[in-house]
Protein backbone atom coordinates (compact mmCIF):
# COMPACT_ATOMS: atom_id res chain seq x y z
CA MET A 1 -36.84 59.69 37.87
CA GLY A 2 -36.07 56.04 37.03
CA SER A 3 -37.70 54.51 33.97
CA SER A 4 -41.26 54.79 35.15
CA PHE A 5 -42.13 56.19 31.72
CA VAL A 6 -41.20 53.01 29.82
CA THR A 7 -41.73 49.25 30.03
CA GLU A 8 -39.69 46.76 28.03
CA ARG A 9 -40.38 43.20 27.00
CA LYS A 10 -38.98 40.85 24.43
CA THR A 11 -41.08 38.70 22.18
CA LYS A 12 -39.18 36.32 19.90
CA ASN A 13 -36.31 38.52 18.67
CA ILE A 14 -38.33 41.73 18.80
CA LEU A 15 -38.12 44.28 21.58
CA VAL A 16 -41.37 45.98 22.55
CA LEU A 17 -41.03 49.33 24.32
CA LYS A 18 -44.11 51.02 25.73
CA PHE A 19 -43.80 54.68 26.67
CA TYR A 20 -46.06 56.58 29.08
CA GLY A 21 -46.95 60.23 29.57
CA GLU A 22 -45.26 63.14 27.83
CA LEU A 23 -42.10 62.57 25.81
CA ASP A 24 -40.73 66.07 26.32
CA ALA A 25 -37.35 67.74 26.78
CA LEU A 26 -36.98 66.26 30.28
CA VAL A 27 -37.50 62.70 29.08
CA ALA A 28 -35.79 62.93 25.67
CA PRO A 29 -32.24 62.19 26.93
CA LYS A 30 -33.56 59.09 28.71
CA VAL A 31 -35.39 57.95 25.55
CA LYS A 32 -32.14 58.40 23.62
CA GLU A 33 -30.20 56.41 26.22
CA ILE A 34 -32.70 53.51 26.17
CA LEU A 35 -32.85 53.32 22.38
CA ALA A 36 -29.07 53.66 22.00
CA LYS A 37 -28.46 50.88 24.53
CA HIS A 38 -30.74 48.47 22.69
CA VAL A 39 -29.64 49.29 19.16
CA GLU A 40 -25.95 49.10 20.13
CA ASN A 41 -26.60 45.69 21.72
CA GLY A 42 -28.00 44.48 18.42
CA ASN A 43 -31.68 44.77 19.37
CA CYS A 44 -32.50 46.54 16.15
CA ARG A 45 -36.02 45.16 15.67
CA LEU A 46 -38.16 47.39 17.84
CA VAL A 47 -41.83 48.01 18.30
CA ILE A 48 -42.61 51.21 20.18
CA ASN A 49 -46.06 51.45 21.72
CA PHE A 50 -47.38 55.02 22.07
CA GLN A 51 -50.81 54.07 23.43
CA GLU A 52 -50.18 55.83 26.76
CA VAL A 53 -48.25 58.80 25.31
CA SER A 54 -50.08 62.12 25.50
CA HIS A 55 -47.45 64.28 23.77
CA ILE A 56 -44.10 64.03 21.98
CA ASN A 57 -41.73 66.91 21.27
CA SER A 58 -39.45 67.54 18.30
CA LEU A 59 -36.31 66.59 20.23
CA THR A 60 -37.69 63.13 20.98
CA MET A 61 -38.83 62.78 17.37
CA GLY A 62 -35.33 63.61 16.15
CA ILE A 63 -33.95 60.90 18.43
CA LEU A 64 -36.45 58.36 17.04
CA ARG A 65 -35.51 59.31 13.50
CA GLY A 66 -31.78 58.89 14.18
CA LYS A 67 -32.29 55.50 15.82
CA LEU A 68 -34.54 54.38 12.94
CA ARG A 69 -31.68 55.03 10.53
CA GLU A 70 -29.23 53.10 12.73
CA ALA A 71 -31.65 50.18 13.14
CA ARG A 72 -32.24 49.97 9.38
CA GLU A 73 -28.49 50.02 8.72
CA MET A 74 -28.36 46.87 10.88
CA ASN A 75 -31.20 45.26 8.87
CA GLY A 76 -33.66 46.11 11.62
CA ASP A 77 -36.53 48.55 11.89
CA ILE A 78 -38.56 50.53 14.38
CA LYS A 79 -42.34 50.22 14.07
CA LEU A 80 -44.81 52.40 15.92
CA VAL A 81 -48.04 51.32 17.54
CA GLY A 82 -51.09 52.96 19.10
CA LEU A 83 -50.53 56.61 18.26
CA SER A 84 -53.32 58.94 19.39
CA GLU A 85 -54.68 61.45 16.85
CA HIS A 86 -52.65 64.18 18.56
CA VAL A 87 -49.36 62.27 18.42
CA LYS A 88 -50.04 61.08 14.86
CA ASN A 89 -50.66 64.72 13.82
CA ILE A 90 -47.28 65.72 15.23
CA PHE A 91 -45.60 62.94 13.22
CA GLU A 92 -47.43 64.14 10.08
CA MET A 93 -46.49 67.79 10.66
CA VAL A 94 -42.77 66.96 10.63
CA GLY A 95 -43.11 64.36 7.87
CA LEU A 96 -42.07 61.39 9.99
CA ASP A 97 -45.27 59.52 9.18
CA GLU A 98 -43.61 58.82 5.81
CA LEU A 99 -40.58 57.22 7.46
CA PHE A 100 -42.14 55.01 10.11
CA GLU A 101 -44.51 52.09 9.66
CA MET A 102 -47.47 52.61 11.99
CA TYR A 103 -49.83 49.95 13.29
CA GLU A 104 -53.03 49.81 15.33
CA ASP A 105 -51.81 47.06 17.67
CA GLU A 106 -48.61 45.37 18.80
CA ASN A 107 -49.36 41.99 17.25
CA LYS A 108 -49.71 43.45 13.74
CA ALA A 109 -46.41 45.29 14.17
CA ILE A 110 -44.64 42.20 15.50
CA VAL A 111 -45.98 39.99 12.68
CA SER A 112 -44.84 42.59 10.11
CA PHE A 113 -41.20 41.68 10.85
């Protein structure tokens, strides 16, 4: 499958990940692997762009929540950008909208660090 569902770029000391398509059970282990690799390497200031994400499942959300905790323990954070109404509703249903800071665009999220 490769990582055709994610692009990565670094801006200052912040890592911007942009996901594409459906973040479902097939993709969740890969999402976990990518986030774990970065957080373990000390890249604990992340902006995740969901602009091109059509759906996210509970497994992927659990992974995001776990990595958020790890990042914050390292004085970092994970900020979310560009969530569609559908994806935002899923975050609200499971109460994760309370945990994550959400922004309309990448620049606002980056500046918030």
